[in-house]
Amino acid sequence: MITYQVEVTVPSDLTEQWLEYMTSHHIDDVVNTGMFVSSELVRVVDPSSDDHTVFRVRYTCESHEKLSRYRTEFAPALMADHTRIFGDRVSAVRTVTEQIWTTVR
Protein backbone atom coordinates (compact mmCIF):
# COMPACT_ATOMS: atom_id res chain seq x y z
CA MET A 1 0.00 0.00 0.00
CA ILE A 2 1.06 3.56 -0.70
CA THR A 3 0.43 6.42 1.72
CA TYR A 4 0.15 9.98 0.49
CA GLN A 5 0.57 12.23 3.52
CA VAL A 6 -0.13 15.93 3.62
CA GLU A 7 1.28 17.69 6.69
CA VAL A 8 -0.54 20.99 7.12
CA THR A 9 0.37 23.87 9.39
CA VAL A 10 -2.71 25.92 10.27
CA PRO A 11 -2.65 29.25 12.14
CA SER A 12 -4.61 29.09 15.41
CA ASP A 13 -7.23 31.58 14.23
CA LEU A 14 -8.07 29.34 11.22
CA THR A 15 -8.04 25.96 12.96
CA GLU A 16 -11.80 25.50 13.42
CA GLN A 17 -12.64 26.75 9.92
CA TRP A 18 -9.95 24.53 8.39
CA LEU A 19 -11.12 21.43 10.31
CA GLU A 20 -14.71 22.05 9.23
CA TYR A 21 -13.67 22.40 5.60
CA MET A 22 -11.49 19.28 5.68
CA THR A 23 -13.96 17.01 7.48
CA SER A 24 -17.08 18.15 5.63
CA HIS A 25 -15.64 18.59 2.12
CA HIS A 26 -12.01 18.18 1.14
CA ILE A 27 -11.10 14.73 2.52
CA ASP A 28 -14.27 13.19 1.08
CA ASP A 29 -13.61 14.90 -2.25
CA VAL A 30 -10.12 13.36 -2.37
CA VAL A 31 -11.35 9.86 -1.46
CA ASN A 32 -14.29 10.14 -3.87
CA THR A 33 -11.85 10.42 -6.79
CA GLY A 34 -11.64 6.63 -6.53
CA MET A 35 -7.85 6.70 -6.25
CA PHE A 36 -7.70 6.03 -2.49
CA VAL A 37 -9.09 3.29 -0.26
CA SER A 38 -8.93 5.16 3.06
CA SER A 39 -8.08 8.41 4.77
CA GLU A 40 -7.06 9.52 8.23
CA LEU A 41 -6.75 12.94 9.84
CA VAL A 42 -4.55 13.38 12.92
CA ARG A 43 -3.46 16.37 14.98
CA VAL A 44 0.14 16.63 16.16
CA VAL A 45 -0.03 17.15 19.93
CA ASP A 46 3.67 17.03 20.79
CA PRO A 47 5.34 19.29 20.02
CA SER A 48 2.63 21.93 20.19
CA SER A 49 2.48 25.67 19.60
CA ASP A 50 0.21 28.51 20.67
CA ASP A 51 0.26 30.19 17.25
CA HIS A 52 -0.45 27.19 14.98
CA THR A 53 -1.51 23.55 14.86
CA VAL A 54 0.00 20.84 12.68
CA PHE A 55 -2.27 18.21 11.14
CA ARG A 56 -1.46 15.18 9.03
CA VAL A 57 -3.91 13.83 6.49
CA ARG A 58 -3.02 10.35 5.30
CA TYR A 59 -4.58 8.87 2.20
CA THR A 60 -3.94 5.21 1.35
CA CYS A 61 -3.95 3.91 -2.21
CA GLU A 62 -3.19 0.60 -3.83
CA SER A 63 -0.48 1.64 -6.28
CA HIS A 64 1.92 4.32 -7.44
CA GLU A 65 -0.09 4.45 -10.67
CA LYS A 66 -3.25 5.48 -8.85
CA LEU A 67 -1.37 8.10 -6.88
CA SER A 68 0.16 9.46 -10.07
CA ARG A 69 -3.27 9.61 -11.68
CA TYR A 70 -4.65 11.45 -8.63
CA ARG A 71 -1.81 13.98 -8.77
CA THR A 72 -2.27 14.73 -12.46
CA GLU A 73 -6.06 14.48 -12.90
CA PHE A 74 -7.56 15.55 -9.58
CA ALA A 75 -5.09 17.25 -7.24
CA PRO A 76 -4.70 20.56 -9.11
CA ALA A 77 -8.40 21.47 -8.81
CA LEU A 78 -8.67 20.27 -5.19
CA MET A 79 -5.54 22.18 -4.19
CA ALA A 80 -6.80 25.30 -5.98
CA ASP A 81 -10.05 25.16 -4.02
CA HIS A 82 -8.12 24.88 -0.75
CA THR A 83 -5.90 27.82 -1.75
CA ARG A 84 -8.93 29.88 -2.76
CA ILE A 85 -10.31 29.55 0.77
CA PHE A 86 -7.15 29.67 2.90
CA GLY A 87 -4.62 31.39 0.67
CA ASP A 88 -1.01 31.14 1.70
CA ARG A 89 -1.74 31.28 5.45
CA VAL A 90 -1.93 27.48 5.54
CA SER A 91 1.18 25.60 4.41
CA ALA A 92 1.50 21.98 3.37
CA VAL A 93 4.27 19.46 2.88
CA ARG A 94 3.48 16.30 0.93
CA THR A 95 5.26 12.96 1.25
CA VAL A 96 4.72 9.50 -0.20
CA THR A 97 5.55 6.33 1.71
CA GLU A 98 5.32 2.68 0.83
CA GLN A 99 4.31 0.13 3.47
CA ILE A 100 6.88 -2.60 4.00
CA TRP A 101 5.86 -4.07 7.37
CA THR A 102 2.78 -4.14 9.59
CA THR A 103 2.17 -5.64 13.00
CA VAL A 104 -1.32 -5.81 14.45
CA ARG A 105 -2.02 -7.03 17.98
C-alpha atoms as a PDB file:
ATOM      1  CA  MET A   1       0.000   0.000   0.000  1.00  0.00           C
ATOM      2  CA  ILE A   2       1.057   3.558  -0.703  1.00  0.00           C
ATOM      3  CA  THR A   3       0.426   6.422   1.719  1.00  0.00           C
ATOM      4  CA  TYR A   4       0.148   9.983   0.485  1.00  0.00           C
ATOM      5  CA  GLN A   5       0.569  12.228   3.517  1.00  0.00           C
ATOM      6  CA  VAL A   6      -0.126  15.928   3.622  1.00  0.00           C
ATOM      7  CA  GLU A   7       1.276  17.693   6.690  1.00  0.00           C
ATOM      8  CA  VAL A   8      -0.536  20.986   7.119  1.00  0.00           C
ATOM      9  CA  THR A   9       0.371  23.870   9.394  1.00  0.00           C
ATOM     10  CA  VAL A  10      -2.706  25.925  10.268  1.00  0.00           C
ATOM     11  CA  PRO A  11      -2.646  29.253  12.142  1.00  0.00           C
ATOM     12  CA  SER A  12      -4.612  29.093  15.409  1.00  0.00           C
ATOM     13  CA  ASP A  13      -7.228  31.581  14.230  1.00  0.00           C
ATOM     14  CA  LEU A  14      -8.069  29.343  11.222  1.00  0.00           C
ATOM     15  CA  THR A  15      -8.042  25.959  12.961  1.00  0.00           C
ATOM     16  CA  GLU A  16     -11.801  25.495  13.416  1.00  0.00           C
ATOM     17  CA  GLN A  17     -12.642  26.750   9.921  1.00  0.00           C
ATOM     18  CA  TRP A  18      -9.949  24.525   8.394  1.00  0.00           C
ATOM     19  CA  LEU A  19     -11.123  21.434  10.307  1.00  0.00           C
ATOM     20  CA  GLU A  20     -14.713  22.048   9.231  1.00  0.00           C
ATOM     21  CA  TYR A  21     -13.670  22.396   5.596  1.00  0.00           C
ATOM     22  CA  MET A  22     -11.488  19.284   5.679  1.00  0.00           C
ATOM     23  CA  THR A  23     -13.964  17.014   7.476  1.00  0.00           C
ATOM     24  CA  SER A  24     -17.077  18.149   5.627  1.00  0.00           C
ATOM     25  CA  HIS A  25     -15.636  18.589   2.116  1.00  0.00           C
ATOM     26  CA  HIS A  26     -12.012  18.179   1.142  1.00  0.00           C
ATOM     27  CA  ILE A  27     -11.104  14.733   2.516  1.00  0.00           C
ATOM     28  CA  ASP A  28     -14.274  13.186   1.084  1.00  0.00           C
ATOM     29  CA  ASP A  29     -13.610  14.895  -2.254  1.00  0.00           C
ATOM     30  CA  VAL A  30     -10.124  13.356  -2.366  1.00  0.00           C
ATOM     31  CA  VAL A  31     -11.349   9.859  -1.463  1.00  0.00           C
ATOM     32  CA  ASN A  32     -14.291  10.143  -3.871  1.00  0.00           C
ATOM     33  CA  THR A  33     -11.852  10.422  -6.792  1.00  0.00           C
ATOM     34  CA  GLY A  34     -11.644   6.635  -6.526  1.00  0.00           C
ATOM     35  CA  MET A  35      -7.853   6.703  -6.253  1.00  0.00           C
ATOM     36  CA  PHE A  36      -7.698   6.030  -2.486  1.00  0.00           C
ATOM     37  CA  VAL A  37      -9.095   3.292  -0.261  1.00  0.00           C
ATOM     38  CA  SER A  38      -8.929   5.156   3.059  1.00  0.00           C
ATOM     39  CA  SER A  39      -8.079   8.413   4.771  1.00  0.00           C
ATOM     40  CA  GLU A  40      -7.063   9.517   8.228  1.00  0.00           C
ATOM     41  CA  LEU A  41      -6.754  12.944   9.844  1.00  0.00           C
ATOM     42  CA  VAL A  42      -4.550  13.383  12.917  1.00  0.00           C
ATOM     43  CA  ARG A  43      -3.457  16.369  14.976  1.00  0.00           C
ATOM     44  CA  VAL A  44       0.144  16.633  16.159  1.00  0.00           C
ATOM     45  CA  VAL A  45      -0.033  17.153  19.925  1.00  0.00           C
ATOM     46  CA  ASP A  46       3.665  17.035  20.789  1.00  0.00           C
ATOM     47  CA  PRO A  47       5.339  19.290  20.015  1.00  0.00           C
ATOM     48  CA  SER A  48       2.627  21.933  20.189  1.00  0.00           C
ATOM     49  CA  SER A  49       2.483  25.671  19.603  1.00  0.00           C
ATOM     50  CA  ASP A  50       0.208  28.512  20.665  1.00  0.00           C
ATOM     51  CA  ASP A  51       0.255  30.188  17.253  1.00  0.00           C
ATOM     52  CA  HIS A  52      -0.446  27.193  14.983  1.00  0.00           C
ATOM     53  CA  THR A  53      -1.507  23.553  14.856  1.00  0.00           C
ATOM     54  CA  VAL A  54      -0.001  20.841  12.684  1.00  0.00           C
ATOM     55  CA  PHE A  55      -2.270  18.211  11.137  1.00  0.00           C
ATOM     56  CA  ARG A  56      -1.462  15.179   9.032  1.00  0.00           C
ATOM     57  CA  VAL A  57      -3.907  13.834   6.491  1.00  0.00           C
ATOM     58  CA  ARG A  58      -3.023  10.352   5.305  1.00  0.00           C
ATOM     59  CA  TYR A  59      -4.577   8.869   2.198  1.00  0.00           C
ATOM     60  CA  THR A  60      -3.944   5.211   1.352  1.00  0.00           C
ATOM     61  CA  CYS A  61      -3.954   3.914  -2.207  1.00  0.00           C
ATOM     62  CA  GLU A  62      -3.194   0.595  -3.832  1.00  0.00           C
ATOM     63  CA  SER A  63      -0.479   1.640  -6.285  1.00  0.00           C
ATOM     64  CA  HIS A  64       1.922   4.319  -7.439  1.00  0.00           C
ATOM     65  CA  GLU A  65      -0.085   4.450 -10.666  1.00  0.00           C
ATOM     66  CA  LYS A  66      -3.255   5.476  -8.848  1.00  0.00           C
ATOM     67  CA  LEU A  67      -1.372   8.102  -6.879  1.00  0.00           C
ATOM     68  CA  SER A  68       0.159   9.457 -10.067  1.00  0.00           C
ATOM     69  CA  ARG A  69      -3.270   9.608 -11.681  1.00  0.00           C
ATOM     70  CA  TYR A  70      -4.649  11.453  -8.634  1.00  0.00           C
ATOM     71  CA  ARG A  71      -1.813  13.976  -8.768  1.00  0.00           C
ATOM     72  CA  THR A  72      -2.271  14.735 -12.462  1.00  0.00           C
ATOM     73  CA  GLU A  73      -6.058  14.484 -12.896  1.00  0.00           C
ATOM     74  CA  PHE A  74      -7.559  15.548  -9.575  1.00  0.00           C
ATOM     75  CA  ALA A  75      -5.089  17.247  -7.237  1.00  0.00           C
ATOM     76  CA  PRO A  76      -4.704  20.559  -9.108  1.00  0.00           C
ATOM     77  CA  ALA A  77      -8.404  21.470  -8.807  1.00  0.00           C
ATOM     78  CA  LEU A  78      -8.667  20.273  -5.189  1.00  0.00           C
ATOM     79  CA  MET A  79      -5.545  22.178  -4.186  1.00  0.00           C
ATOM     80  CA  ALA A  80      -6.795  25.295  -5.983  1.00  0.00           C
ATOM     81  CA  ASP A  81     -10.047  25.155  -4.019  1.00  0.00           C
ATOM     82  CA  HIS A  82      -8.116  24.876  -0.746  1.00  0.00           C
ATOM     83  CA  THR A  83      -5.900  27.815  -1.749  1.00  0.00           C
ATOM     84  CA  ARG A  84      -8.933  29.875  -2.755  1.00  0.00           C
ATOM     85  CA  ILE A  85     -10.312  29.550   0.770  1.00  0.00           C
ATOM     86  CA  PHE A  86      -7.152  29.666   2.899  1.00  0.00           C
ATOM     87  CA  GLY A  87      -4.621  31.385   0.667  1.00  0.00           C
ATOM     88  CA  ASP A  88      -1.009  31.141   1.700  1.00  0.00           C
ATOM     89  CA  ARG A  89      -1.745  31.278   5.453  1.00  0.00           C
ATOM     90  CA  VAL A  90      -1.925  27.480   5.536  1.00  0.00           C
ATOM     91  CA  SER A  91       1.177  25.605   4.406  1.00  0.00           C
ATOM     92  CA  ALA A  92       1.495  21.979   3.371  1.00  0.00           C
ATOM     93  CA  VAL A  93       4.272  19.456   2.876  1.00  0.00           C
ATOM     94  CA  ARG A  94       3.477  16.302   0.929  1.00  0.00           C
ATOM     95  CA  THR A  95       5.258  12.955   1.248  1.00  0.00           C
ATOM     96  CA  VAL A  96       4.723   9.501  -0.196  1.00  0.00           C
ATOM     97  CA  THR A  97       5.550   6.330   1.709  1.00  0.00           C
ATOM     98  CA  GLU A  98       5.321   2.675   0.835  1.00  0.00           C
ATOM     99  CA  GLN A  99       4.309   0.129   3.468  1.00  0.00           C
ATOM    100  CA  ILE A 100       6.883  -2.600   3.995  1.00  0.00           C
ATOM    101  CA  TRP A 101       5.864  -4.070   7.366  1.00  0.00           C
ATOM    102  CA  THR A 102       2.785  -4.145   9.586  1.00  0.00           C
ATOM    103  CA  THR A 103       2.171  -5.644  12.998  1.00  0.00           C
ATOM    104  CA  VAL A 104      -1.324  -5.813  14.450  1.00  0.00           C
ATOM    105  CA  ARG A 105      -2.020  -7.026  17.979  1.00  0.00           C
END
